């Protein structure tokens, strides 16, 4: 997987072409899904798809004029720094609100991409094209406003600031929550293995702190080194890494603290209660911020958490 900073001018144009193609086809799928129930909104998405195809054709013409007919296949998923979106087929199942939110995020993301891409070319004509496309993305009438006019729904009238906020939540808040979930679940095995192996609350506490801090350092480095934040708009790597690392450590410390209690069985019982509360909180987080159905989230967390918890007990009792 390439970093955006490693892409040359040819790569950037190829990436832009495939991105416009993907967005156009996504809007077409949205339109097809809404055609029966919301024909006016389906028309809006069809118009947006046509505009994205037009952008693709403009980029293709510029590419061929400079680099020839062969266009390498480079997609967003091949480049560090892009937001990892849900598959389009999954978005269509979320209804018109899910489709609208996805389109708003894509518009904000594309504007940022074209602004960054324009700084990486020395060709005046290509730079002008990229800046024009950035202006087109920024200057689009908000999809929320369009849907608000067609459906007269107040909640559809979301301005650009709201779209940017969603992008921030998607890129910064959710990775932090993933760190919290990772810290909560991944430390269960070493902590409870230590508890059953030693029977000592203090030794278990030390193992828990070590596991939590170690996981925090690992997640922090992984997040901080994942991309430089210029393309995704996720902010400074150092800040992102610290936030992710701290949240991961916090996730493990929660069920470590009860082992400060000298009485082993009391500490163990309290730690189990804390784990149950943590797993319930993670289930709620996945449902609220990651659009995972509550029952599916509960089953995933319950089964995963139980298996990790059981692993710790079995190893510690061996």
Protein backbone atom coordinates (compact mmCIF):
# COMPACT_ATOMS: atom_id res chain seq x y z
CA UNK A 1 0.00 0.00 0.00
CA UNK A 2 1.39 3.38 -1.04
CA UNK A 3 1.48 6.59 0.95
CA UNK A 4 -0.12 9.60 -0.73
CA UNK A 5 3.22 11.42 -0.51
CA UNK A 6 4.79 8.70 -2.68
CA UNK A 7 2.38 9.18 -5.58
CA UNK A 8 3.65 10.93 -8.68
CA UNK A 9 1.58 13.05 -11.04
CA UNK A 10 0.59 10.07 -13.17
CA UNK A 11 -0.51 8.08 -10.11
CA UNK A 12 -2.57 10.99 -8.79
CA UNK A 13 -4.48 11.39 -12.04
CA UNK A 14 -5.09 7.64 -12.25
CA UNK A 15 -6.34 7.63 -8.67
CA UNK A 16 -8.63 10.58 -9.35
CA UNK A 17 -10.08 8.84 -12.42
CA UNK A 18 -10.89 5.64 -10.51
CA UNK A 19 -12.31 7.62 -7.57
CA UNK A 20 -14.69 9.60 -9.77
CA UNK A 21 -15.75 6.35 -11.43
CA UNK A 22 -16.39 4.69 -8.06
CA UNK A 23 -18.39 7.66 -6.76
CA UNK A 24 -20.48 7.84 -9.91
CA UNK A 25 -21.34 4.15 -9.71
CA UNK A 26 -22.15 4.50 -6.00
CA UNK A 27 -24.56 7.36 -6.67
CA UNK A 28 -26.11 5.25 -9.43
CA UNK A 29 -26.70 2.44 -6.94
CA UNK A 30 -28.27 4.91 -4.50
CA UNK A 31 -30.56 6.18 -7.24
CA UNK A 32 -31.61 2.66 -8.19
CA UNK A 33 -32.37 1.84 -4.56
CA UNK A 34 -34.51 4.97 -4.09
CA UNK A 35 -36.26 4.92 -7.46
CA UNK A 36 -39.53 3.40 -6.27
CA UNK A 37 -39.98 5.17 -2.93
CA UNK A 38 -38.19 8.48 -3.52
CA UNK A 39 -38.10 9.18 -7.27
CA UNK A 40 -37.18 12.86 -6.80
CA UNK A 41 -34.18 11.98 -4.65
CA UNK A 42 -33.22 9.22 -7.08
CA UNK A 43 -33.07 11.90 -9.77
CA UNK A 44 -30.72 13.97 -7.58
CA UNK A 45 -28.35 11.03 -7.24
CA UNK A 46 -28.52 10.35 -10.97
CA UNK A 47 -27.53 13.96 -11.63
CA UNK A 48 -24.65 13.63 -9.20
CA UNK A 49 -23.55 10.40 -10.91
CA UNK A 50 -23.59 12.17 -14.29
CA UNK A 51 -21.45 14.97 -12.87
CA UNK A 52 -18.92 12.49 -11.45
CA UNK A 53 -18.73 10.75 -14.84
CA UNK A 54 -18.09 14.15 -16.40
CA UNK A 55 -15.24 14.75 -13.94
CA UNK A 56 -13.83 11.33 -14.80
CA UNK A 57 -13.89 12.16 -18.51
CA UNK A 58 -12.12 15.48 -17.92
CA UNK A 59 -9.41 13.75 -15.91
CA UNK A 60 -9.07 10.97 -18.49
CA UNK A 61 -8.63 13.50 -21.30
CA UNK A 62 -5.91 15.31 -19.34
CA UNK A 63 -4.20 12.02 -18.47
CA UNK A 64 -4.12 10.72 -22.04
CA UNK A 65 -2.83 14.03 -23.37
CA UNK A 66 0.22 13.73 -21.17
CA UNK A 67 0.77 10.03 -20.42
CA UNK A 68 -0.93 8.09 -23.22
CA UNK A 69 -3.80 5.62 -23.30
CA UNK A 70 -2.67 3.17 -20.61
CA UNK A 71 -4.14 4.14 -17.22
CA UNK A 72 -2.90 2.11 -14.23
CA UNK A 73 -5.55 0.95 -11.78
CA UNK A 74 -5.03 2.77 -8.48
CA UNK A 75 -7.93 3.02 -6.07
CA UNK A 76 -8.49 4.67 -2.71
CA UNK A 77 -8.01 1.36 -0.92
CA UNK A 78 -4.47 1.17 -2.35
CA UNK A 79 -3.37 4.44 -0.72
CA UNK A 80 -2.77 5.25 2.94
CA UNK A 81 -4.73 8.17 4.32
CA UNK A 82 -8.14 7.68 2.75
CA UNK A 83 -11.15 7.05 4.91
CA UNK A 84 -12.15 3.38 4.97
CA UNK A 85 -15.82 3.55 4.01
CA UNK A 86 -18.39 0.81 4.31
CA UNK A 87 -19.17 -1.03 1.06
CA UNK A 88 -21.80 0.71 -1.05
CA UNK A 89 -24.19 -2.24 -0.84
CA UNK A 90 -24.13 -1.89 2.96
CA UNK A 91 -24.89 1.84 2.74
CA UNK A 92 -27.96 1.23 0.59
CA UNK A 93 -29.44 -0.83 3.41
CA UNK A 94 -29.26 2.16 5.79
CA UNK A 95 -31.92 4.09 3.88
CA UNK A 96 -31.90 7.59 2.49
CA UNK A 97 -30.23 9.12 5.57
CA UNK A 98 -27.29 6.73 5.31
CA UNK A 99 -26.91 7.48 1.61
CA UNK A 100 -27.09 11.22 2.21
CA UNK A 101 -24.47 11.09 4.95
CA UNK A 102 -22.15 9.00 2.77
CA UNK A 103 -22.47 11.47 -0.13
CA UNK A 104 -21.74 14.45 2.11
CA UNK A 105 -18.62 12.82 3.52
CA UNK A 106 -17.41 11.92 0.02
CA UNK A 107 -17.86 15.52 -1.17
CA UNK A 108 -15.81 16.84 1.75
CA UNK A 109 -13.16 14.16 1.30
CA UNK A 110 -12.87 14.75 -2.47
CA UNK A 111 -12.41 18.49 -1.97
CA UNK A 112 -9.51 17.82 0.40
CA UNK A 113 -7.99 15.29 -1.99
CA UNK A 114 -8.01 17.67 -4.96
CA UNK A 115 -6.52 20.49 -2.90
CA UNK A 116 -3.68 18.23 -1.75
CA UNK A 117 -3.22 16.76 -5.23
CA UNK A 118 -2.94 20.21 -6.84
CA UNK A 119 0.14 20.88 -4.71
CA UNK A 120 1.90 17.80 -6.08
CA UNK A 121 1.96 18.73 -9.77
CA UNK A 122 4.19 21.12 -11.69
CA UNK A 123 1.97 21.13 -14.77
CA UNK A 124 -0.08 24.38 -14.80
CA UNK A 125 -2.90 22.82 -16.84
CA UNK A 126 -3.26 19.82 -14.55
CA UNK A 127 -3.03 21.99 -11.45
CA UNK A 128 -5.83 24.18 -12.82
CA UNK A 129 -7.96 21.11 -13.54
CA UNK A 130 -7.46 19.76 -10.03
CA UNK A 131 -8.25 23.13 -8.45
CA UNK A 132 -11.34 23.45 -10.64
CA UNK A 133 -12.51 20.03 -9.47
CA UNK A 134 -11.80 21.00 -5.86
CA UNK A 135 -13.91 24.12 -6.36
CA UNK A 136 -16.65 22.01 -7.95
CA UNK A 137 -16.73 19.69 -4.94
CA UNK A 138 -16.68 22.59 -2.50
CA UNK A 139 -19.20 24.59 -4.50
CA UNK A 140 -21.72 21.79 -4.87
CA UNK A 141 -25.12 22.63 -3.55
CA UNK A 142 -25.32 20.50 -0.43
CA UNK A 143 -26.95 17.17 -1.12
CA UNK A 144 -28.79 17.60 2.16
CA UNK A 145 -30.31 20.83 0.90
CA UNK A 146 -31.35 19.13 -2.33
CA UNK A 147 -33.02 16.32 -0.44
CA UNK A 148 -34.57 18.82 1.93
CA UNK A 149 -36.20 20.59 -1.00
CA UNK A 150 -37.46 17.37 -2.55
CA UNK A 151 -38.71 15.78 0.65
CA UNK A 152 -39.32 18.87 2.79
CA UNK A 153 -37.65 17.14 5.73
CA UNK A 154 -35.91 19.55 8.14
CA UNK A 155 -33.40 16.93 9.24
CA UNK A 156 -32.17 16.65 5.64
CA UNK A 157 -31.00 20.28 5.63
CA UNK A 158 -27.47 19.78 6.85
CA UNK A 159 -24.80 22.35 5.95
CA UNK A 160 -21.19 21.82 5.01
CA UNK A 161 -20.07 22.20 8.61
CA UNK A 162 -22.15 19.17 9.55
CA UNK A 163 -20.57 17.15 6.74
CA UNK A 164 -17.11 18.12 7.95
CA UNK A 165 -18.13 17.13 11.47
CA UNK A 166 -19.20 13.71 10.26
CA UNK A 167 -15.89 13.31 8.48
CA UNK A 168 -14.09 14.23 11.71
CA UNK A 169 -16.12 11.67 13.65
CA UNK A 170 -15.41 9.05 11.02
CA UNK A 171 -11.68 9.69 10.85
CA UNK A 172 -10.74 10.69 14.41
CA UNK A 173 -13.40 9.68 16.93
CA UNK A 174 -14.11 6.21 15.60
CA UNK A 175 -10.43 5.14 15.49
CA UNK A 176 -10.18 6.29 19.09
CA UNK A 177 -13.18 4.16 19.98
CA UNK A 178 -11.58 1.21 18.20
CA UNK A 179 -8.57 1.71 20.46
CA UNK A 180 -10.81 1.70 23.50
CA UNK A 181 -12.47 -1.53 22.37
CA UNK A 182 -9.13 -3.16 21.58
CA UNK A 183 -7.74 -2.26 24.99
CA UNK A 184 -10.82 -3.56 26.79
CA UNK A 185 -10.89 -6.94 25.05
CA UNK A 186 -7.23 -7.71 24.31
CA UNK A 187 -6.10 -7.36 27.93
CA UNK A 188 -8.69 -9.77 29.35
CA UNK A 189 -6.60 -12.89 28.69
CA UNK A 190 -3.30 -11.80 30.31
CA UNK A 191 -5.01 -10.21 33.31
CA UNK A 192 -7.23 -13.15 34.23
CA UNK A 193 -4.51 -15.65 33.36
CA UNK A 194 -2.26 -13.88 35.86
CA UNK A 195 -5.06 -13.82 38.44
CA UNK A 196 -5.71 -17.57 38.31
CA UNK A 197 -2.04 -18.48 37.94
CA UNK A 198 -0.74 -16.44 40.88
CA UNK A 199 -3.75 -15.94 43.16
CA UNK A 200 -2.14 -12.59 43.98
CA UNK A 201 -4.05 -9.36 43.44
CA UNK A 202 -0.88 -7.26 43.40
CA UNK A 203 0.86 -9.44 40.82
CA UNK A 204 -2.31 -9.41 38.72
CA UNK A 205 -2.46 -5.63 38.97
CA UNK A 206 1.13 -5.31 37.73
CA UNK A 207 0.42 -7.62 34.79
CA UNK A 208 -2.74 -5.63 33.98
CA UNK A 209 -0.90 -2.32 33.99
CA UNK A 210 1.88 -3.76 31.82
CA UNK A 211 -0.62 -5.25 29.33
CA UNK A 212 -2.66 -2.04 29.17
CA UNK A 213 0.32 0.29 28.74
CA UNK A 214 1.93 -2.09 26.22
CA UNK A 215 -1.27 -2.26 24.16
CA UNK A 216 -1.55 1.53 24.35
CA UNK A 217 1.97 2.02 23.03
CA UNK A 218 1.37 -0.47 20.20
CA UNK A 219 -1.95 1.09 19.13
CA UNK A 220 -0.55 4.60 19.47
CA UNK A 221 2.37 3.84 17.18
CA UNK A 222 0.14 2.05 14.69
CA UNK A 223 -2.26 4.99 14.51
CA UNK A 224 0.43 7.66 14.45
CA UNK A 225 2.34 5.94 11.64
CA UNK A 226 -0.71 5.00 9.57
CA UNK A 227 -0.69 8.26 7.56
CA UNK A 228 0.49 11.85 7.87
CA UNK A 229 -3.04 13.24 8.10
CA UNK A 230 -2.66 15.63 5.19
CA UNK A 231 -4.95 13.72 2.86
CA UNK A 232 -7.45 12.31 5.32
CA UNK A 233 -7.67 15.48 7.40
CA UNK A 234 -7.20 13.44 10.56
CA UNK A 235 -4.86 15.94 12.16
CA UNK A 236 -1.30 15.64 13.41
CA UNK A 237 -0.01 12.06 13.71
CA UNK A 238 1.45 12.73 17.16
CA UNK A 239 -1.90 13.89 18.56
CA UNK A 240 -3.78 11.02 16.91
CA UNK A 241 -1.27 8.50 18.21
CA UNK A 242 -1.45 9.85 21.76
CA UNK A 243 -5.25 9.84 21.72
CA UNK A 244 -5.44 6.30 20.38
CA UNK A 245 -2.78 5.04 22.79
CA UNK A 246 -4.37 6.63 25.83
CA UNK A 247 -7.84 5.28 24.94
CA UNK A 248 -6.41 1.79 24.47
CA UNK A 249 -4.65 1.92 27.83
CA UNK A 250 -7.82 3.19 29.51
CA UNK A 251 -9.72 0.24 28.07
CA UNK A 252 -7.40 -2.19 29.87
CA UNK A 253 -6.97 -0.26 33.11
CA UNK A 254 -10.69 -0.45 33.89
CA UNK A 255 -10.72 -4.14 34.85
CA UNK A 256 -7.18 -3.91 36.25
CA UNK A 257 -7.98 -1.44 39.03
CA UNK A 258 -10.16 -3.87 41.07
CA UNK A 259 -7.01 -5.93 41.75
CA UNK A 260 -5.75 -3.18 44.02
CA UNK A 261 -8.15 -4.73 46.53
CA UNK A 262 -6.14 -7.21 48.67
CA UNK A 263 -8.96 -9.76 49.00
CA UNK A 264 -8.58 -11.97 45.91
CA UNK A 265 -12.18 -13.17 45.50
CA UNK A 266 -13.60 -9.71 46.08
CA UNK A 267 -11.21 -8.21 43.52
CA UNK A 268 -11.97 -10.98 41.03
CA UNK A 269 -15.74 -10.58 41.37
CA UNK A 270 -15.50 -6.80 40.96
CA UNK A 271 -13.24 -7.20 37.92
CA UNK A 272 -15.79 -9.52 36.28
CA UNK A 273 -18.54 -6.95 36.91
CA UNK A 274 -16.37 -4.24 35.36
CA UNK A 275 -15.76 -6.46 32.31
CA UNK A 276 -19.50 -6.95 31.83
CA UNK A 277 -20.05 -3.18 32.02
CA UNK A 278 -17.20 -2.61 29.54
CA UNK A 279 -18.58 -5.12 27.04
CA UNK A 280 -22.03 -3.56 27.31
CA UNK A 281 -20.51 -0.11 26.70
CA UNK A 282 -18.58 -1.40 23.67
CA UNK A 283 -21.78 -2.90 22.27
CA UNK A 284 -23.49 0.49 22.59
CA UNK A 285 -20.52 2.28 20.97
CA UNK A 286 -20.52 -0.09 17.99
CA UNK A 287 -24.23 0.42 17.53
CA UNK A 288 -24.14 4.23 17.83
CA UNK A 289 -20.95 5.15 15.99
CA UNK A 290 -20.35 2.22 13.66
CA UNK A 291 -23.94 1.48 12.60
CA UNK A 292 -23.70 -2.12 13.79
CA UNK A 293 -27.16 -3.55 14.64
CA UNK A 294 -27.46 -3.81 18.41
CA UNK A 295 -28.11 -7.58 18.46
CA UNK A 296 -25.25 -8.29 16.06
CA UNK A 297 -22.91 -6.04 18.05
CA UNK A 298 -23.92 -7.70 21.33
CA UNK A 299 -23.30 -11.18 19.93
CA UNK A 300 -19.93 -10.22 18.45
CA UNK A 301 -18.71 -8.55 21.64
CA UNK A 302 -20.19 -11.18 23.97
CA UNK A 303 -18.73 -14.11 22.03
CA UNK A 304 -15.36 -12.44 21.43
CA UNK A 305 -15.04 -11.16 24.97
CA UNK A 306 -16.11 -14.48 26.47
CA UNK A 307 -13.58 -16.42 24.37
CA UNK A 308 -10.74 -14.10 25.37
CA UNK A 309 -11.87 -14.20 28.99
CA UNK A 310 -12.11 -18.00 28.92
CA UNK A 311 -8.66 -18.24 27.32
CA UNK A 312 -7.18 -16.30 30.21
CA UNK A 313 -8.86 -18.52 32.80
CA UNK A 314 -7.85 -21.77 31.09
CA UNK A 315 -4.21 -20.71 30.68
CA UNK A 316 -4.02 -19.32 34.19
CA UNK A 317 -5.48 -22.51 35.67
CA UNK A 318 -3.21 -24.86 33.73
